[in-house]
Amino acid sequence: MIDLPDRVVVPFGRVVQTQWDPAIAERVVTVAVPGLFVGLTEDEYTVWSAAAAGRSAEELLREVRVDGPRTSYDAVRRYGLVAEITTSDDQVLTETAGMRLLAHSRLGVHGRHALVVGEPDATHVVLSPVGLEIYGRCAGAHSLAATVALVSSLASETGSNDPEVIYPQRLARRALAEFFPLVREGLASFGFVEGVSDE
């Protein structure tokens, strides 16, 4: 699980197409978010992809290997495909109220890890039991925060005393940390709640 910084860059959308554009002599990657398709240049795509590592903007800009990382980052942010959010206990629920987790992969049964997200014999990610619970409920929820609040409440009602699960703020931060690897592998994506944006 990723140890999240106090502020983390979140990528939105998922790759739906890659094609060579002879006009600019480079590959263009199309990323889809609800109601919008955005074509990214190779440098913009590299920055957008790097956001799935769960880093702060400063770390991302320092470590990403493109010419002019700030220019590419600013472009991707203008397109609405990345946002920097606060992960502190007093803000993380508010931040995740504007986000959804969109599941793109089914659960599979792995011989050693039991349930995994993805193909047991190919690309997959192992989640904690509470991570699996949130993942399984995210499709029917309005936001990631709503799913987290529901799972946290159910855990408390069934007698759990794990503070990382029964306190929704802590569970929201934990869920974000667990879901970044899913996004990096293309097994899920972050989306925004309709009518809510970073701007």
N, C-alpha and C. Protein backbone atom coordinates (compact mmCIF):
# COMPACT_ATOMS: atom_id res chain seq x y z
N MET A 1 0.85 -1.19 0.00
CA MET A 1 0.00 0.00 0.00
C MET A 1 0.89 1.25 0.00
N ILE A 2 0.49 2.25 -0.76
CA ILE A 2 1.24 3.49 -0.89
C ILE A 2 1.10 4.32 0.38
N ASP A 3 2.20 4.94 0.81
CA ASP A 3 2.15 5.90 1.91
C ASP A 3 1.89 7.27 1.29
N LEU A 4 0.66 7.75 1.38
CA LEU A 4 0.29 8.97 0.68
C LEU A 4 0.87 10.22 1.32
N PRO A 5 1.28 11.20 0.50
CA PRO A 5 1.67 12.50 1.04
C PRO A 5 0.43 13.26 1.51
N ASP A 6 0.64 14.39 2.17
CA ASP A 6 -0.50 15.20 2.65
C ASP A 6 -1.32 15.77 1.50
N ARG A 7 -0.68 15.99 0.37
CA ARG A 7 -1.40 16.40 -0.85
C ARG A 7 -0.95 15.46 -1.96
N VAL A 8 -1.91 14.93 -2.71
CA VAL A 8 -1.59 13.93 -3.72
C VAL A 8 -2.28 14.28 -5.04
N VAL A 9 -1.58 14.03 -6.14
CA VAL A 9 -2.15 14.24 -7.46
C VAL A 9 -2.95 13.01 -7.85
N VAL A 10 -4.18 13.23 -8.29
CA VAL A 10 -5.08 12.15 -8.69
C VAL A 10 -5.33 12.26 -10.19
N PRO A 11 -5.12 11.15 -10.95
CA PRO A 11 -5.45 11.18 -12.37
C PRO A 11 -6.92 10.78 -12.58
N PHE A 12 -7.58 11.44 -13.51
CA PHE A 12 -8.96 11.11 -13.83
C PHE A 12 -9.03 10.55 -15.25
N GLY A 13 -9.94 9.61 -15.46
CA GLY A 13 -10.17 9.06 -16.78
C GLY A 13 -9.40 7.78 -17.03
N ARG A 14 -9.62 7.21 -18.22
CA ARG A 14 -8.92 5.99 -18.61
C ARG A 14 -8.58 6.05 -20.09
N VAL A 15 -7.52 5.36 -20.45
CA VAL A 15 -7.07 5.32 -21.84
C VAL A 15 -8.05 4.49 -22.66
N VAL A 16 -8.48 5.05 -23.80
CA VAL A 16 -9.39 4.32 -24.68
C VAL A 16 -8.81 4.11 -26.07
N GLN A 17 -7.76 4.85 -26.42
CA GLN A 17 -7.19 4.70 -27.76
C GLN A 17 -5.78 5.29 -27.79
N THR A 18 -4.92 4.66 -28.58
CA THR A 18 -3.59 5.18 -28.87
C THR A 18 -3.36 5.10 -30.37
N GLN A 19 -2.92 6.20 -30.96
CA GLN A 19 -2.67 6.17 -32.40
C GLN A 19 -1.57 7.15 -32.76
N TRP A 20 -0.91 6.88 -33.88
CA TRP A 20 0.14 7.75 -34.38
C TRP A 20 -0.49 8.92 -35.13
N ASP A 21 -0.04 10.13 -34.82
CA ASP A 21 -0.54 11.32 -35.50
C ASP A 21 0.58 11.85 -36.40
N PRO A 22 0.45 11.66 -37.72
CA PRO A 22 1.51 12.11 -38.61
C PRO A 22 1.68 13.63 -38.63
N ALA A 23 0.64 14.37 -38.29
CA ALA A 23 0.73 15.83 -38.31
C ALA A 23 1.74 16.36 -37.28
N ILE A 24 1.83 15.68 -36.14
CA ILE A 24 2.79 16.11 -35.11
C ILE A 24 3.91 15.10 -34.93
N ALA A 25 3.88 14.03 -35.71
CA ALA A 25 4.92 12.99 -35.70
C ALA A 25 5.15 12.40 -34.32
N GLU A 26 4.06 12.10 -33.64
CA GLU A 26 4.15 11.40 -32.37
C GLU A 26 2.85 10.69 -32.05
N ARG A 27 2.94 9.84 -31.06
CA ARG A 27 1.79 9.06 -30.62
C ARG A 27 0.84 9.97 -29.82
N VAL A 28 -0.45 9.81 -30.04
CA VAL A 28 -1.47 10.54 -29.27
C VAL A 28 -2.30 9.51 -28.52
N VAL A 29 -2.46 9.74 -27.21
CA VAL A 29 -3.21 8.83 -26.36
C VAL A 29 -4.52 9.51 -25.97
N THR A 30 -5.64 8.87 -26.27
CA THR A 30 -6.94 9.44 -25.94
C THR A 30 -7.40 8.92 -24.58
N VAL A 31 -7.69 9.85 -23.69
CA VAL A 31 -8.18 9.54 -22.35
C VAL A 31 -9.63 9.99 -22.27
N ALA A 32 -10.49 9.11 -21.75
CA ALA A 32 -11.92 9.41 -21.65
C ALA A 32 -12.32 9.64 -20.20
N VAL A 33 -13.08 10.69 -20.00
CA VAL A 33 -13.82 10.91 -18.76
C VAL A 33 -15.26 11.08 -19.20
N PRO A 34 -16.23 10.91 -18.31
CA PRO A 34 -17.63 11.02 -18.74
C PRO A 34 -17.90 12.29 -19.54
N GLY A 35 -18.36 12.08 -20.78
CA GLY A 35 -18.73 13.20 -21.64
C GLY A 35 -17.59 13.89 -22.34
N LEU A 36 -16.36 13.37 -22.24
CA LEU A 36 -15.22 14.07 -22.81
C LEU A 36 -14.12 13.10 -23.20
N PHE A 37 -13.53 13.32 -24.37
CA PHE A 37 -12.36 12.59 -24.83
C PHE A 37 -11.25 13.60 -25.06
N VAL A 38 -10.07 13.33 -24.49
CA VAL A 38 -8.94 14.26 -24.61
C VAL A 38 -7.75 13.52 -25.20
N GLY A 39 -7.18 14.09 -26.27
CA GLY A 39 -5.98 13.53 -26.87
C GLY A 39 -4.75 14.13 -26.20
N LEU A 40 -3.89 13.27 -25.65
CA LEU A 40 -2.68 13.73 -24.97
C LEU A 40 -1.45 13.44 -25.82
N THR A 41 -0.54 14.40 -25.84
CA THR A 41 0.76 14.16 -26.46
C THR A 41 1.54 13.16 -25.60
N GLU A 42 2.67 12.69 -26.10
CA GLU A 42 3.45 11.71 -25.34
C GLU A 42 3.89 12.26 -23.99
N ASP A 43 4.35 13.53 -23.96
CA ASP A 43 4.78 14.11 -22.68
C ASP A 43 3.60 14.28 -21.72
N GLU A 44 2.47 14.73 -22.25
CA GLU A 44 1.28 14.89 -21.39
C GLU A 44 0.83 13.54 -20.86
N TYR A 45 0.84 12.53 -21.71
CA TYR A 45 0.46 11.19 -21.27
C TYR A 45 1.41 10.66 -20.21
N THR A 46 2.70 10.92 -20.36
CA THR A 46 3.68 10.49 -19.36
C THR A 46 3.38 11.12 -18.00
N VAL A 47 3.06 12.40 -18.00
CA VAL A 47 2.72 13.10 -16.75
C VAL A 47 1.43 12.54 -16.17
N TRP A 48 0.41 12.37 -17.00
CA TRP A 48 -0.87 11.82 -16.53
C TRP A 48 -0.68 10.42 -15.94
N SER A 49 0.09 9.58 -16.61
CA SER A 49 0.35 8.22 -16.12
C SER A 49 1.09 8.24 -14.78
N ALA A 50 2.05 9.15 -14.66
CA ALA A 50 2.85 9.23 -13.43
C ALA A 50 2.00 9.61 -12.23
N ALA A 51 0.87 10.28 -12.47
CA ALA A 51 -0.02 10.66 -11.36
C ALA A 51 -0.63 9.45 -10.68
N ALA A 52 -0.64 8.29 -11.33
CA ALA A 52 -1.20 7.08 -10.73
C ALA A 52 -0.28 6.47 -9.68
N ALA A 53 0.86 7.10 -9.44
CA ALA A 53 1.80 6.58 -8.43
C ALA A 53 1.50 7.11 -7.03
N GLY A 54 0.53 8.02 -6.91
CA GLY A 54 0.17 8.54 -5.59
C GLY A 54 1.23 9.47 -5.01
N ARG A 55 1.64 10.45 -5.80
CA ARG A 55 2.68 11.40 -5.38
C ARG A 55 2.11 12.81 -5.26
N SER A 56 2.87 13.66 -4.58
CA SER A 56 2.53 15.08 -4.56
C SER A 56 2.91 15.67 -5.91
N ALA A 57 2.42 16.86 -6.21
CA ALA A 57 2.76 17.53 -7.46
C ALA A 57 4.26 17.80 -7.53
N GLU A 58 4.86 18.18 -6.40
CA GLU A 58 6.29 18.46 -6.38
C GLU A 58 7.10 17.21 -6.72
N GLU A 59 6.74 16.08 -6.12
CA GLU A 59 7.44 14.82 -6.42
C GLU A 59 7.26 14.43 -7.88
N LEU A 60 6.04 14.53 -8.36
CA LEU A 60 5.76 14.16 -9.74
C LEU A 60 6.60 15.00 -10.70
N LEU A 61 6.61 16.30 -10.51
CA LEU A 61 7.35 17.20 -11.40
C LEU A 61 8.86 16.96 -11.31
N ARG A 62 9.34 16.58 -10.14
CA ARG A 62 10.76 16.33 -9.96
C ARG A 62 11.19 15.02 -10.61
N GLU A 63 10.31 14.00 -10.59
CA GLU A 63 10.71 12.66 -10.99
C GLU A 63 10.29 12.28 -12.41
N VAL A 64 9.27 12.93 -12.98
CA VAL A 64 8.80 12.53 -14.31
C VAL A 64 9.84 12.91 -15.36
N ARG A 65 10.05 12.04 -16.32
CA ARG A 65 11.10 12.22 -17.32
C ARG A 65 10.53 12.76 -18.64
N VAL A 66 10.23 14.04 -18.65
CA VAL A 66 9.80 14.72 -19.87
C VAL A 66 10.47 16.09 -19.90
N ASP A 67 10.55 16.68 -21.09
CA ASP A 67 11.05 18.05 -21.21
C ASP A 67 9.92 18.99 -20.77
N GLY A 68 10.24 19.92 -19.93
CA GLY A 68 9.23 20.89 -19.48
C GLY A 68 8.08 20.24 -18.75
N PRO A 69 8.35 19.52 -17.65
CA PRO A 69 7.26 18.82 -16.95
C PRO A 69 6.14 19.74 -16.46
N ARG A 70 6.47 20.96 -16.06
CA ARG A 70 5.44 21.88 -15.56
C ARG A 70 4.46 22.25 -16.67
N THR A 71 4.95 22.44 -17.89
CA THR A 71 4.08 22.78 -19.01
C THR A 71 3.10 21.64 -19.29
N SER A 72 3.62 20.40 -19.31
CA SER A 72 2.75 19.24 -19.55
C SER A 72 1.76 19.05 -18.41
N TYR A 73 2.24 19.22 -17.17
CA TYR A 73 1.35 19.07 -16.01
C TYR A 73 0.22 20.10 -16.06
N ASP A 74 0.58 21.35 -16.35
CA ASP A 74 -0.44 22.40 -16.40
C ASP A 74 -1.47 22.13 -17.50
N ALA A 75 -1.01 21.60 -18.63
CA ALA A 75 -1.94 21.28 -19.72
C ALA A 75 -2.91 20.18 -19.30
N VAL A 76 -2.39 19.12 -18.70
CA VAL A 76 -3.24 18.01 -18.28
C VAL A 76 -4.22 18.46 -17.19
N ARG A 77 -3.76 19.34 -16.34
CA ARG A 77 -4.65 19.88 -15.30
C ARG A 77 -5.75 20.73 -15.92
N ARG A 78 -5.41 21.55 -16.92
CA ARG A 78 -6.43 22.36 -17.61
C ARG A 78 -7.47 21.48 -18.28
N TYR A 79 -7.06 20.34 -18.81
CA TYR A 79 -8.00 19.42 -19.43
C TYR A 79 -8.93 18.76 -18.39
N GLY A 80 -8.60 18.91 -17.11
CA GLY A 80 -9.41 18.28 -16.05
C GLY A 80 -9.06 16.83 -15.81
N LEU A 81 -7.85 16.42 -16.22
CA LEU A 81 -7.47 15.01 -16.08
C LEU A 81 -6.59 14.74 -14.87
N VAL A 82 -6.17 15.77 -14.15
CA VAL A 82 -5.50 15.60 -12.86
C VAL A 82 -5.97 16.68 -11.91
N ALA A 83 -5.93 16.36 -10.64
CA ALA A 83 -6.22 17.34 -9.59
C ALA A 83 -5.38 16.98 -8.38
N GLU A 84 -4.97 17.97 -7.64
CA GLU A 84 -4.23 17.72 -6.40
C GLU A 84 -5.21 17.85 -5.24
N ILE A 85 -5.29 16.81 -4.42
CA ILE A 85 -6.24 16.82 -3.30
C ILE A 85 -5.50 16.67 -1.98
N THR A 86 -6.15 17.09 -0.92
CA THR A 86 -5.61 16.98 0.43
C THR A 86 -6.03 15.65 1.02
N THR A 87 -5.09 14.95 1.67
CA THR A 87 -5.39 13.65 2.25
C THR A 87 -5.42 13.67 3.77
N SER A 88 -5.36 14.87 4.36
CA SER A 88 -5.40 14.96 5.82
C SER A 88 -6.76 14.52 6.34
N ASP A 89 -6.79 14.03 7.59
CA ASP A 89 -8.02 13.49 8.16
C ASP A 89 -9.18 14.48 8.13
N ASP A 90 -8.90 15.77 8.27
CA ASP A 90 -9.99 16.74 8.32
C ASP A 90 -10.49 17.15 6.94
N GLN A 91 -9.81 16.73 5.87
CA GLN A 91 -10.22 17.13 4.51
C GLN A 91 -10.51 15.97 3.56
N VAL A 92 -10.02 14.77 3.85
CA VAL A 92 -10.06 13.71 2.85
C VAL A 92 -11.48 13.28 2.48
N LEU A 93 -12.41 13.31 3.41
CA LEU A 93 -13.79 12.96 3.07
C LEU A 93 -14.41 14.01 2.14
N THR A 94 -14.12 15.27 2.40
CA THR A 94 -14.62 16.33 1.52
C THR A 94 -14.05 16.17 0.12
N GLU A 95 -12.76 15.88 0.04
CA GLU A 95 -12.11 15.71 -1.27
C GLU A 95 -12.69 14.50 -2.02
N THR A 96 -12.87 13.39 -1.32
CA THR A 96 -13.36 12.18 -2.00
C THR A 96 -14.86 12.22 -2.26
N ALA A 97 -15.55 13.22 -1.71
CA ALA A 97 -16.97 13.39 -2.03
C ALA A 97 -17.16 13.86 -3.48
N GLY A 98 -16.10 14.41 -4.08
CA GLY A 98 -16.16 14.84 -5.46
C GLY A 98 -15.61 13.83 -6.44
N MET A 99 -15.28 12.62 -5.93
CA MET A 99 -14.64 11.59 -6.76
C MET A 99 -15.42 10.29 -6.72
N ARG A 100 -15.24 9.51 -7.79
CA ARG A 100 -15.77 8.14 -7.82
C ARG A 100 -14.62 7.20 -8.19
N LEU A 101 -14.75 5.96 -7.77
CA LEU A 101 -13.85 4.92 -8.26
C LEU A 101 -14.65 4.13 -9.29
N LEU A 102 -14.15 4.07 -10.51
CA LEU A 102 -14.82 3.34 -11.58
C LEU A 102 -14.08 2.02 -11.79
N ALA A 103 -14.75 0.93 -11.53
CA ALA A 103 -14.14 -0.40 -11.63
C ALA A 103 -14.19 -0.87 -13.08
N HIS A 104 -13.05 -1.33 -13.59
CA HIS A 104 -12.97 -1.82 -14.96
C HIS A 104 -12.67 -3.31 -15.02
N SER A 105 -12.48 -3.94 -13.88
CA SER A 105 -12.09 -5.36 -13.85
C SER A 105 -12.91 -6.11 -12.82
N ARG A 106 -13.14 -7.35 -13.13
CA ARG A 106 -13.88 -8.21 -12.21
C ARG A 106 -12.93 -8.74 -11.13
N LEU A 107 -13.53 -9.36 -10.13
CA LEU A 107 -12.73 -10.05 -9.12
C LEU A 107 -12.41 -11.44 -9.63
N GLY A 108 -11.22 -11.92 -9.33
CA GLY A 108 -10.82 -13.27 -9.71
C GLY A 108 -10.31 -14.02 -8.49
N VAL A 109 -10.28 -15.32 -8.59
CA VAL A 109 -9.80 -16.15 -7.48
C VAL A 109 -8.38 -16.58 -7.78
N HIS A 110 -7.47 -16.15 -6.93
CA HIS A 110 -6.05 -16.46 -7.07
C HIS A 110 -5.70 -17.58 -6.09
N GLY A 111 -4.88 -18.50 -6.52
CA GLY A 111 -4.53 -19.65 -5.69
C GLY A 111 -3.90 -19.29 -4.36
N ARG A 112 -3.10 -18.23 -4.33
CA ARG A 112 -2.39 -17.87 -3.10
C ARG A 112 -3.04 -16.71 -2.36
N HIS A 113 -3.66 -15.78 -3.09
CA HIS A 113 -4.18 -14.56 -2.46
C HIS A 113 -5.70 -14.54 -2.31
N ALA A 114 -6.38 -15.62 -2.67
CA ALA A 114 -7.85 -15.66 -2.66
C ALA A 114 -8.38 -14.65 -3.68
N LEU A 115 -9.22 -13.71 -3.27
CA LEU A 115 -9.80 -12.76 -4.21
C LEU A 115 -8.81 -11.66 -4.59
N VAL A 116 -8.74 -11.39 -5.89
CA VAL A 116 -7.90 -10.31 -6.41
C VAL A 116 -8.73 -9.53 -7.42
N VAL A 117 -8.31 -8.30 -7.68
CA VAL A 117 -8.93 -7.51 -8.75
C VAL A 117 -8.10 -7.73 -10.01
N GLY A 118 -8.76 -8.22 -11.06
CA GLY A 118 -8.07 -8.47 -12.32
C GLY A 118 -8.01 -9.96 -12.62
N GLU A 119 -7.13 -10.32 -13.53
CA GLU A 119 -6.99 -11.71 -13.94
C GLU A 119 -5.98 -12.42 -13.05
N PRO A 120 -6.39 -13.49 -12.37
CA PRO A 120 -5.48 -14.18 -11.45
C PRO A 120 -4.17 -14.63 -12.11
N ASP A 121 -4.22 -15.01 -13.39
CA ASP A 121 -3.02 -15.49 -14.08
C ASP A 121 -2.33 -14.40 -14.90
N ALA A 122 -2.81 -13.17 -14.78
CA ALA A 122 -2.20 -12.06 -15.52
C ALA A 122 -2.14 -10.85 -14.58
N THR A 123 -2.50 -9.68 -15.09
CA THR A 123 -2.43 -8.46 -14.28
C THR A 123 -3.51 -8.48 -13.21
N HIS A 124 -3.10 -8.35 -11.96
CA HIS A 124 -4.06 -8.28 -10.86
C HIS A 124 -3.44 -7.52 -9.69
N VAL A 125 -4.30 -7.07 -8.79
CA VAL A 125 -3.87 -6.36 -7.58
C VAL A 125 -4.57 -6.99 -6.40
N VAL A 126 -3.81 -7.19 -5.33
CA VAL A 126 -4.36 -7.74 -4.09
C VAL A 126 -4.78 -6.56 -3.20
N LEU A 127 -6.04 -6.56 -2.78
CA LEU A 127 -6.55 -5.54 -1.86
C LEU A 127 -6.80 -6.17 -0.50
N SER A 128 -6.85 -5.33 0.52
CA SER A 128 -7.25 -5.80 1.85
C SER A 128 -8.74 -6.17 1.80
N PRO A 129 -9.24 -6.90 2.80
CA PRO A 129 -10.67 -7.21 2.81
C PRO A 129 -11.56 -5.96 2.76
N VAL A 130 -11.17 -4.90 3.47
CA VAL A 130 -12.00 -3.69 3.44
C VAL A 130 -11.86 -2.98 2.10
N GLY A 131 -10.69 -3.06 1.48
CA GLY A 131 -10.51 -2.51 0.15
C GLY A 131 -11.39 -3.22 -0.87
N LEU A 132 -11.46 -4.55 -0.76
CA LEU A 132 -12.34 -5.33 -1.64
C LEU A 132 -13.80 -4.95 -1.43
N GLU A 133 -14.18 -4.72 -0.18
CA GLU A 133 -15.56 -4.34 0.13
C GLU A 133 -15.91 -3.00 -0.53
N ILE A 134 -15.00 -2.04 -0.43
CA ILE A 134 -15.25 -0.73 -1.06
C ILE A 134 -15.29 -0.88 -2.57
N TYR A 135 -14.34 -1.63 -3.12
CA TYR A 135 -14.29 -1.83 -4.57
C TYR A 135 -15.59 -2.46 -5.08
N GLY A 136 -16.09 -3.44 -4.35
CA GLY A 136 -17.31 -4.12 -4.76
C GLY A 136 -18.55 -3.26 -4.69
N ARG A 137 -18.53 -2.23 -3.84
CA ARG A 137 -19.71 -1.37 -3.68
C ARG A 137 -19.62 -0.05 -4.45
N CYS A 138 -18.46 0.23 -5.07
CA CYS A 138 -18.27 1.55 -5.66
C CYS A 138 -19.16 1.82 -6.86
N ALA A 139 -19.53 0.79 -7.61
CA ALA A 139 -20.33 1.01 -8.82
C ALA A 139 -21.69 1.62 -8.51
N GLY A 140 -22.28 1.26 -7.39
CA GLY A 140 -23.61 1.75 -7.06
C GLY A 140 -23.63 2.98 -6.18
N ALA A 141 -22.46 3.57 -5.94
CA ALA A 141 -22.39 4.70 -5.01
C ALA A 141 -22.20 6.01 -5.76
N HIS A 142 -22.71 7.07 -5.16
CA HIS A 142 -22.59 8.41 -5.75
C HIS A 142 -21.15 8.90 -5.75
N SER A 143 -20.40 8.56 -4.70
CA SER A 143 -19.03 9.05 -4.59
C SER A 143 -18.20 8.07 -3.78
N LEU A 144 -16.89 8.23 -3.85
CA LEU A 144 -16.00 7.40 -3.05
C LEU A 144 -16.24 7.64 -1.57
N ALA A 145 -16.48 8.89 -1.19
CA ALA A 145 -16.74 9.21 0.22
C ALA A 145 -18.00 8.50 0.71
N ALA A 146 -19.04 8.43 -0.11
CA ALA A 146 -20.28 7.76 0.29
C ALA A 146 -20.05 6.27 0.49
N THR A 147 -19.26 5.65 -0.39
CA THR A 147 -18.94 4.23 -0.25
C THR A 147 -18.16 3.98 1.03
N VAL A 148 -17.16 4.83 1.26
CA VAL A 148 -16.33 4.70 2.46
C VAL A 148 -17.19 4.84 3.72
N ALA A 149 -18.08 5.83 3.75
CA ALA A 149 -18.93 6.05 4.92
C ALA A 149 -19.82 4.84 5.18
N LEU A 150 -20.36 4.25 4.11
CA LEU A 150 -21.21 3.06 4.26
C LEU A 150 -20.42 1.88 4.81
N VAL A 151 -19.27 1.61 4.23
CA VAL A 151 -18.45 0.47 4.67
C VAL A 151 -17.97 0.67 6.09
N SER A 152 -17.58 1.89 6.43
CA SER A 152 -17.14 2.20 7.79
C SER A 152 -18.27 1.97 8.79
N SER A 153 -19.48 2.41 8.45
CA SER A 153 -20.63 2.25 9.33
C SER A 153 -20.98 0.76 9.51
N LEU A 154 -20.96 0.01 8.42
CA LEU A 154 -21.25 -1.43 8.51
C LEU A 154 -20.22 -2.15 9.37
N ALA A 155 -18.95 -1.77 9.23
CA ALA A 155 -17.90 -2.40 10.04
C ALA A 155 -18.11 -2.11 11.52
N SER A 156 -18.48 -0.87 11.82
CA SER A 156 -18.73 -0.49 13.22
C SER A 156 -19.92 -1.25 13.79
N GLU A 157 -20.98 -1.39 12.98
CA GLU A 157 -22.18 -2.10 13.44
C GLU A 157 -21.93 -3.58 13.69
N THR A 158 -20.97 -4.15 12.96
CA THR A 158 -20.67 -5.58 13.15
C THR A 158 -19.61 -5.83 14.22
N GLY A 159 -19.20 -4.77 14.91
CA GLY A 159 -18.33 -4.94 16.06
C GLY A 159 -16.85 -4.73 15.82
N SER A 160 -16.46 -4.25 14.65
CA SER A 160 -15.04 -3.98 14.40
C SER A 160 -14.58 -2.85 15.30
N ASN A 161 -13.36 -2.97 15.79
CA ASN A 161 -12.79 -1.87 16.58
C ASN A 161 -11.49 -1.36 15.97
N ASP A 162 -11.28 -1.66 14.67
CA ASP A 162 -10.09 -1.20 13.97
C ASP A 162 -10.28 0.27 13.58
N PRO A 163 -9.51 1.19 14.17
CA PRO A 163 -9.70 2.62 13.87
C PRO A 163 -9.45 2.97 12.40
N GLU A 164 -8.65 2.16 11.70
CA GLU A 164 -8.39 2.41 10.28
C GLU A 164 -9.60 2.05 9.41
N VAL A 165 -10.59 1.40 10.01
CA VAL A 165 -11.79 0.99 9.27
C VAL A 165 -13.03 1.73 9.76
N ILE A 166 -13.19 1.86 11.06
CA ILE A 166 -14.44 2.43 11.59
C ILE A 166 -14.47 3.96 11.58
N TYR A 167 -13.31 4.60 11.44
CA TYR A 167 -13.29 6.06 11.29
C TYR A 167 -13.25 6.38 9.80
N PRO A 168 -14.31 6.96 9.25
CA PRO A 168 -14.39 7.16 7.80
C PRO A 168 -13.23 7.96 7.22
N GLN A 169 -12.71 8.94 7.98
CA GLN A 169 -11.60 9.73 7.45
C GLN A 169 -10.37 8.85 7.23
N ARG A 170 -10.08 8.00 8.18
CA ARG A 170 -8.92 7.12 8.04
C ARG A 170 -9.14 6.10 6.93
N LEU A 171 -10.38 5.61 6.84
CA LEU A 171 -10.68 4.62 5.81
C LEU A 171 -10.60 5.25 4.41
N ALA A 172 -11.01 6.51 4.28
CA ALA A 172 -10.93 7.18 2.97
C ALA A 172 -9.48 7.30 2.52
N ARG A 173 -8.61 7.68 3.44
CA ARG A 173 -7.17 7.78 3.10
C ARG A 173 -6.62 6.41 2.74
N ARG A 174 -6.99 5.41 3.51
CA ARG A 174 -6.53 4.04 3.24
C ARG A 174 -7.03 3.56 1.87
N ALA A 175 -8.29 3.85 1.56
CA ALA A 175 -8.86 3.43 0.28
C ALA A 175 -8.11 4.08 -0.88
N LEU A 176 -7.83 5.37 -0.78
CA LEU A 176 -7.06 6.03 -1.83
C LEU A 176 -5.72 5.33 -2.03
N ALA A 177 -5.03 5.05 -0.93
CA ALA A 177 -3.72 4.41 -1.03
C ALA A 177 -3.82 3.03 -1.68
N GLU A 178 -4.87 2.28 -1.37
CA GLU A 178 -5.03 0.95 -1.96
C GLU A 178 -5.43 1.02 -3.43
N PHE A 179 -6.14 2.08 -3.83
CA PHE A 179 -6.68 2.11 -5.18
C PHE A 179 -5.72 2.69 -6.21
N PHE A 180 -4.70 3.43 -5.79
CA PHE A 180 -3.74 3.93 -6.78
C PHE A 180 -3.10 2.80 -7.60
N PRO A 181 -2.71 1.67 -7.00
CA PRO A 181 -2.17 0.58 -7.82
C PRO A 181 -3.18 0.03 -8.84
N LEU A 182 -4.46 0.02 -8.49
CA LEU A 182 -5.49 -0.40 -9.46
C LEU A 182 -5.51 0.53 -10.66
N VAL A 183 -5.43 1.83 -10.39
CA VAL A 183 -5.45 2.82 -11.45
C VAL A 183 -4.19 2.70 -12.30
N ARG A 184 -3.05 2.51 -11.65
CA ARG A 184 -1.79 2.38 -12.39
C ARG A 184 -1.82 1.19 -13.35
N GLU A 185 -2.48 0.11 -12.96
CA GLU A 185 -2.56 -1.10 -13.80
C GLU A 185 -3.72 -1.07 -14.79
N GLY A 186 -4.54 0.00 -14.74
CA GLY A 186 -5.67 0.10 -15.66
C GLY A 186 -6.86 -0.76 -15.26
N LEU A 187 -6.89 -1.24 -14.02
CA LEU A 187 -7.98 -2.09 -13.54
C LEU A 187 -9.15 -1.26 -13.01
N ALA A 188 -8.91 0.01 -12.76
CA ALA A 188 -9.94 0.94 -12.28
C ALA A 188 -9.48 2.34 -12.66
N SER A 189 -10.36 3.30 -12.54
CA SER A 189 -9.96 4.69 -12.75
C SER A 189 -10.73 5.57 -11.78
N PHE A 190 -10.16 6.73 -11.53
CA PHE A 190 -10.86 7.73 -10.75
C PHE A 190 -11.68 8.60 -11.72
N GLY A 191 -12.90 8.92 -11.31
CA GLY A 191 -13.74 9.83 -12.08
C GLY A 191 -14.25 10.90 -11.14
N PHE A 192 -14.82 11.95 -11.70
CA PHE A 192 -15.38 12.96 -10.81
C PHE A 192 -16.89 12.82 -10.77
N VAL A 193 -17.44 13.21 -9.66
CA VAL A 193 -18.88 13.20 -9.47
C VAL A 193 -19.48 14.25 -10.38
N GLU A 194 -20.57 13.92 -11.04
CA GLU A 194 -21.20 14.84 -11.99
C GLU A 194 -21.49 16.17 -11.31
N GLY A 195 -21.08 17.25 -11.97
CA GLY A 195 -21.31 18.58 -11.44
C GLY A 195 -20.24 19.07 -10.50
N VAL A 196 -19.23 18.23 -10.22
CA VAL A 196 -18.15 18.62 -9.32
C VAL A 196 -16.86 18.56 -10.10
N SER A 197 -16.07 19.63 -10.06
CA SER A 197 -14.77 19.63 -10.73
C SER A 197 -13.77 20.33 -9.85
N ASP A 198 -12.52 20.27 -10.28
CA ASP A 198 -11.43 20.86 -9.51
C ASP A 198 -11.39 22.37 -9.61
N GLU A 199 -11.95 22.90 -10.67
CA GLU A 199 -11.85 24.36 -10.87
C GLU A 199 -12.90 25.11 -10.08
